[in-house]
Protein backbone atom coordinates (compact mmCIF):
# COMPACT_ATOMS: atom_id res chain seq x y z
CA MET A 1 0.00 0.00 0.00
CA ARG A 2 1.21 3.49 -0.81
CA ILE A 3 0.58 6.35 1.61
CA VAL A 4 -0.15 9.39 -0.52
CA PRO A 5 -0.34 12.90 0.98
CA LEU A 6 -3.39 14.49 -0.60
CA ALA A 7 -4.55 18.02 0.10
CA GLY A 8 -7.89 17.89 -1.69
CA CYS A 9 -6.72 19.54 -4.91
CA VAL A 10 -3.53 19.27 -6.91
CA THR A 11 -2.53 22.45 -8.70
CA LYS A 12 -0.52 22.46 -11.92
CA THR A 13 0.87 25.06 -14.30
CA GLN A 14 0.54 24.99 -18.08
CA ALA A 15 1.97 27.52 -20.55
CA GLY A 16 2.66 29.95 -17.73
CA ALA A 17 -0.97 30.12 -16.64
CA PRO A 18 -2.17 28.51 -13.41
CA PHE A 19 -4.97 26.00 -13.54
CA GLY A 20 -6.01 23.22 -11.22
CA TRP A 21 -8.38 20.47 -10.39
CA ARG A 22 -11.70 21.40 -8.98
CA PRO A 23 -12.83 19.68 -5.79
CA ALA A 24 -15.59 17.11 -6.22
CA SER A 25 -14.15 16.26 -9.67
CA PRO A 26 -12.96 12.85 -10.92
CA ALA A 27 -9.42 14.08 -11.65
CA PRO A 28 -7.83 13.38 -8.23
CA ALA A 29 -9.49 9.97 -8.09
CA ALA A 30 -8.41 8.97 -11.60
CA THR A 31 -4.84 10.27 -11.37
CA VAL A 32 -3.85 9.77 -7.72
CA LEU A 33 -6.18 7.26 -6.11
CA ALA A 34 -7.18 4.78 -8.81
CA PRO A 35 -3.67 3.50 -9.74
CA ALA A 36 -2.83 2.72 -6.10
CA ASP A 37 -3.50 -0.60 -4.39
CA GLY A 38 -4.57 1.37 -1.35
CA VAL A 39 -4.50 4.99 -0.23
CA LEU A 40 -4.57 6.33 3.32
CA VAL A 41 -5.70 9.95 3.61
CA THR A 42 -5.24 11.41 7.09
CA SER A 43 -5.73 14.87 8.53
CA ALA A 44 -6.92 16.34 11.80
CA THR A 45 -9.10 18.69 9.72
CA LEU A 46 -10.15 16.27 6.99
CA ARG A 47 -13.88 16.69 7.62
CA GLY A 48 -13.62 20.42 8.32
CA GLY A 49 -16.66 20.46 10.59
CA GLU A 50 -18.81 18.60 8.05
CA ASP A 51 -19.86 15.03 7.37
CA TRP A 52 -17.82 12.38 5.57
CA PRO A 53 -19.36 13.01 2.10
CA ALA A 54 -17.69 16.44 2.09
CA ALA A 55 -14.31 14.83 2.82
CA ASP A 56 -14.93 12.22 0.11
CA ALA A 57 -15.68 14.99 -2.38
CA ARG A 58 -12.58 17.04 -1.51
CA THR A 59 -10.22 14.08 -1.81
CA GLY A 60 -11.85 12.55 -4.90
CA ALA A 61 -12.87 9.43 -2.98
CA ALA A 62 -16.48 10.01 -4.00
CA HIS A 63 -15.53 8.99 -7.57
CA LEU A 64 -13.95 5.66 -6.69
CA PRO A 65 -15.80 2.47 -7.76
CA LEU A 66 -15.83 1.28 -4.14
CA ALA A 67 -16.85 3.41 -1.19
CA ALA A 68 -14.03 4.64 1.01
CA GLN A 69 -13.80 3.39 4.58
CA HIS A 70 -13.88 6.04 7.30
CA PHE A 71 -12.29 6.20 10.71
CA GLU A 72 -12.26 9.03 13.24
CA ALA A 73 -10.42 9.07 16.58
CA ASP A 74 -11.19 11.38 19.46
CA SER A 75 -8.58 14.04 20.17
CA PRO A 76 -6.34 13.35 23.18
CA PHE A 77 -6.34 17.06 24.06
CA ASP A 78 -8.65 18.87 26.48
CA TYR A 79 -9.42 21.76 24.13
CA ALA A 80 -12.41 22.91 26.18
CA GLY A 81 -10.35 23.20 29.34
CA CYS A 82 -7.08 24.55 27.93
CA SER A 83 -8.06 26.93 25.14
CA GLU A 84 -10.36 29.83 24.41
CA VAL A 85 -11.42 31.82 21.33
CA LEU A 86 -11.85 35.59 21.53
CA ILE A 87 -13.43 37.49 18.62
CA VAL A 88 -12.55 41.19 18.90
CA THR A 89 -15.41 43.39 17.76
CA ASP A 90 -14.01 46.94 17.66
CA ILE A 91 -11.13 46.90 15.14
CA GLY A 92 -11.94 48.62 11.84
CA ARG A 93 -11.50 46.48 8.74
CA ASN A 94 -9.03 48.81 7.01
CA ASP A 95 -7.61 50.60 10.06
CA VAL A 96 -3.96 49.53 9.96
CA ALA A 97 -3.00 51.77 12.88
CA SER A 98 -5.61 50.14 15.14
CA LEU A 99 -4.66 46.70 13.86
CA ALA A 100 -0.99 47.30 14.66
CA GLY A 101 -1.89 48.69 18.07
CA ALA A 102 -3.97 45.61 18.82
CA TYR A 103 -1.13 43.27 17.86
CA GLY A 104 1.36 45.23 19.94
CA ARG A 105 -0.84 45.31 23.02
CA LEU A 106 -1.76 41.62 22.79
CA ILE A 107 1.88 40.57 22.41
CA GLU A 108 2.81 42.73 25.40
CA ALA A 109 -0.03 41.25 27.44
CA ALA A 110 1.15 37.72 26.63
CA GLN A 111 4.81 38.66 27.12
CA GLY A 112 5.64 37.11 23.75
CA GLY A 113 4.87 33.57 22.67
CA THR A 114 2.53 34.91 19.97
CA LEU A 115 1.96 33.68 16.42
CA GLY A 116 0.40 36.48 14.36
CA LEU A 117 -1.31 35.29 11.16
CA PHE A 118 -2.15 37.52 8.20
CA THR A 119 -4.12 37.09 4.99
CA ALA A 120 -2.05 39.71 3.14
CA VAL A 121 1.71 40.33 3.09
CA GLN A 122 1.20 44.10 2.81
CA ARG A 123 -0.70 44.29 6.11
CA LEU A 124 1.87 42.05 7.78
CA LYS A 125 4.68 44.40 6.75
CA ALA A 126 2.72 47.48 7.82
CA VAL A 127 2.00 46.04 11.27
CA HIS A 128 5.59 44.89 11.73
CA ALA A 129 6.94 48.32 10.83
CA ARG A 130 4.72 49.96 13.45
CA ILE A 131 5.39 47.68 16.43
CA ALA A 132 8.78 45.96 16.03
CA ASP A 133 10.85 48.70 17.70
CA ARG A 134 8.34 49.17 20.50
CA LEU A 135 8.36 45.47 21.33
CA ALA A 136 12.15 45.24 21.07
CA ARG A 137 12.49 47.97 23.69
CA ALA A 138 10.26 45.87 25.95
CA GLY A 139 12.52 42.85 25.47
CA LEU A 140 10.03 41.08 23.20
CA PRO A 141 11.68 40.12 19.88
CA LEU A 142 9.40 40.21 16.83
CA LEU A 143 10.19 37.96 13.87
CA ALA A 144 8.37 38.26 10.56
CA GLN A 145 8.04 36.18 7.44
CA HIS A 146 8.42 38.34 4.29
CA VAL A 147 10.38 40.91 6.32
CA ASP A 148 13.34 39.14 7.91
CA PRO A 149 15.77 37.78 5.25
CA ILE A 150 15.52 34.27 6.73
CA ASP A 151 13.60 31.25 5.48
CA ALA A 152 10.40 30.32 7.28
CA GLY A 153 11.85 27.17 8.82
CA THR A 154 14.68 29.08 10.48
CA LEU A 155 12.28 31.75 11.72
CA VAL A 156 10.17 29.05 13.36
CA ASP A 157 13.29 27.52 14.97
CA ILE A 158 14.25 30.89 16.46
CA PHE A 159 10.68 31.44 17.64
CA ARG A 160 10.55 27.98 19.21
CA ASP A 161 13.75 28.58 21.18
CA ASP A 162 12.69 31.91 22.77
CA PRO A 163 9.46 32.01 24.83
CA ARG A 164 9.50 35.84 24.74
CA ALA A 165 9.70 36.02 20.93
CA SER A 166 6.72 36.43 18.61
CA LEU A 167 6.36 35.57 14.93
CA LEU A 168 4.25 37.12 12.16
CA GLY A 169 3.46 35.14 9.03
CA THR A 170 0.96 34.16 6.37
CA ASP A 171 -0.62 30.89 5.24
CA ALA A 172 2.61 28.85 5.26
CA LEU A 173 2.84 29.38 9.02
CA ARG A 174 -0.89 28.93 9.52
CA ASP A 175 -0.81 25.43 8.04
CA GLY A 176 2.58 24.04 8.96
CA VAL A 177 4.04 25.28 12.25
CA ASP A 178 4.76 22.85 15.08
CA VAL A 179 5.78 24.77 18.23
CA PRO A 180 4.75 22.83 21.34
CA GLY A 181 5.07 24.19 24.85
CA GLU A 182 5.14 27.72 26.20
CA SER A 183 6.85 29.24 23.15
CA LEU A 184 3.44 29.43 21.44
CA ARG A 185 0.64 30.37 23.79
CA LEU A 186 -1.31 32.96 21.78
CA VAL A 187 -2.47 32.89 18.14
CA VAL A 188 -3.79 36.14 16.65
CA MET A 189 -5.47 36.31 13.22
CA GLU A 190 -5.98 39.72 11.64
CA ARG A 191 -9.20 38.79 9.83
CA VAL A 192 -11.35 35.92 8.60
CA PRO A 193 -9.31 34.03 5.94
CA TRP A 194 -11.73 34.13 3.00
CA PRO A 195 -10.47 32.69 -0.33
CA ARG A 196 -9.07 35.13 -2.87
CA PRO A 197 -11.41 35.68 -5.87
CA THR A 198 -9.24 34.07 -8.56
CA VAL A 199 -10.40 32.35 -11.74
CA LEU A 200 -9.46 28.99 -10.26
CA HIS A 201 -11.37 29.74 -7.07
CA ALA A 202 -14.43 30.72 -9.10
CA ALA A 203 -14.37 27.34 -10.89
CA ARG A 204 -13.95 25.46 -7.63
CA ARG A 205 -16.68 27.53 -6.00
CA MET A 206 -19.11 26.74 -8.82
CA ALA A 207 -18.36 23.03 -8.59
CA GLY A 208 -18.35 22.97 -4.78
CA GLY A 209 -21.69 24.57 -4.01
CA GLY A 210 -21.11 28.33 -4.13
CA SER A 211 -20.98 30.02 -0.75
CA LYS A 212 -20.96 26.61 0.97
CA TYR A 213 -17.60 25.95 -0.67
CA ASP A 214 -16.26 29.28 0.63
CA ASP A 215 -17.42 28.40 4.13
CA ARG A 216 -15.75 24.99 3.86
CA VAL A 217 -12.44 26.59 2.89
CA VAL A 218 -12.58 29.12 5.72
CA ARG A 219 -13.47 26.51 8.33
CA ALA A 220 -10.51 24.41 7.24
CA ARG A 221 -8.17 27.41 7.46
CA LEU A 222 -9.47 28.39 10.89
CA ALA A 223 -9.09 24.81 12.11
CA GLN A 224 -5.51 24.73 10.85
CA ALA A 225 -4.71 28.04 12.53
CA PHE A 226 -6.27 26.97 15.82
CA GLY A 227 -4.34 23.71 15.58
CA ARG A 228 -1.06 25.60 15.97
CA LEU A 229 -2.02 26.35 19.58
CA ILE A 230 -2.31 22.91 21.18
CA ARG A 231 0.44 20.55 20.04
CA ARG A 232 0.95 18.26 23.05
CA GLN A 233 -0.52 17.39 26.44
CA GLY A 234 -0.26 20.35 28.80
CA ASP A 235 -0.34 23.04 26.12
CA CYS A 236 -2.79 25.86 26.81
CA GLY A 237 -3.50 29.20 25.19
CA LEU A 238 -5.84 31.64 23.52
CA PHE A 239 -6.90 32.20 19.91
CA VAL A 240 -7.83 35.77 18.99
CA ILE A 241 -9.48 36.99 15.77
CA LEU A 242 -9.27 40.76 15.20
CA SER A 243 -12.45 41.01 13.15
CA SER A 244 -16.09 41.46 14.07
CA ALA A 245 -17.04 40.04 10.64
CA MET A 246 -16.85 36.46 11.89
CA PRO A 247 -20.08 34.62 11.00
CA SER A 248 -21.38 32.31 13.70
CA ARG A 249 -21.80 29.52 11.13
CA LEU A 250 -17.98 29.30 10.86
CA LEU A 251 -17.47 28.66 14.56
CA ALA A 252 -17.84 24.92 13.93
CA ALA A 253 -14.19 25.12 12.82
CA PHE A 254 -13.17 25.02 16.47
CA PRO A 255 -13.24 21.86 18.60
CA PRO A 256 -16.49 21.16 20.46
CA GLY A 257 -16.69 22.76 23.87
CA VAL A 258 -14.06 25.44 23.32
CA PRO A 259 -15.28 28.69 24.96
CA ILE A 260 -15.97 31.40 22.36
CA ARG A 261 -16.59 35.04 23.25
CA ARG A 262 -17.16 38.23 21.26
CA VAL A 263 -15.45 41.02 23.16
CA PRO A 264 -13.92 44.50 22.67
CA LEU A 265 -10.16 44.76 22.42
CA ASP A 266 -9.64 45.95 25.99
CA VAL A 267 -11.43 42.90 27.35
CA ALA A 268 -9.41 40.60 25.10
CA ILE A 269 -6.15 42.17 26.30
CA ALA A 270 -7.19 41.83 29.92
CA ARG A 271 -8.06 38.17 29.34
CA VAL A 272 -4.71 37.49 27.66
CA ALA A 273 -2.84 39.23 30.46
CA GLU A 274 -4.78 37.25 33.06
CA ARG A 275 -4.03 33.88 31.51
CA LEU A 276 -0.74 34.24 29.66
CA ALA A 277 1.45 36.88 31.29
CA VAL A 278 3.16 34.23 33.41
CA ALA A 279 6.10 32.31 32.03
CA ARG A 280 4.16 29.03 31.91
CA VAL A 281 0.45 28.36 31.61
CA ASP A 282 -0.38 25.33 33.72
CA GLN A 283 -3.99 25.83 34.74
CA PRO A 284 -7.06 25.06 32.59
CA ILE A 285 -9.09 27.94 31.23
CA VAL A 286 -12.64 28.04 32.50
CA THR A 287 -15.09 30.57 31.12
CA GLY A 288 -18.55 30.85 29.63
CA VAL A 289 -19.64 30.75 26.01
CA ASP A 290 -20.93 33.91 24.36
CA ALA A 291 -21.00 33.55 20.60
């Protein structure tokens, strides 16, 4: 049996123009799955808050002559007791100054250990330029993908080794960072990660059910981002989204039982300071749900 990593769609390039397979199409099944004696597709976010038919469609398994077998294991982590989601409601969508101020204050409240995730490189650079010196003076190093002339892997290594450091990045860090322990105790997203309106996305959206496809993509991205927070037993932390435009229907991206609150920035900062200002978080988070 071959174990094939499959991310739902395989993208190619032809004559300099990007094109790709649409989800729910026979192409992945015919090209990747059918020739194999057996294929194992695994992911902590494979279902993305939906039922198995959605996972079958994304991977191409729905087009196989025999139905795929499904298996789901419960998570070993106490997400409900050791994590919390805060949705900040008073940051303007295009107010870079307020966005930078929010990042700076949250990082200070957590005393580092923050992964800041952005949907646009331009906003990442603008925020970094506004807060890097201020944080450095406070003894809180700020690393940034697309700013520091270092590859992403090395940036993550530096971040992992310094519990007072913070790291800003885009989707590569959202989907592939493994930093267990106290070095990553706060994840901050600057806005809801909606798909970019490209020609390829439009084709996938049409094939995948319109707005339902968009929701599926966003839930998967949110689940991946939240997954950076809890990497081993004993990890605890907070996940903050700096956007009031967070539809309640997307909250299924987070593990069942995780407390979710919509709060102004000052309340979010106070909560971060309360839980994360110590060098090590070793007590479960207990709070109500208000979403």
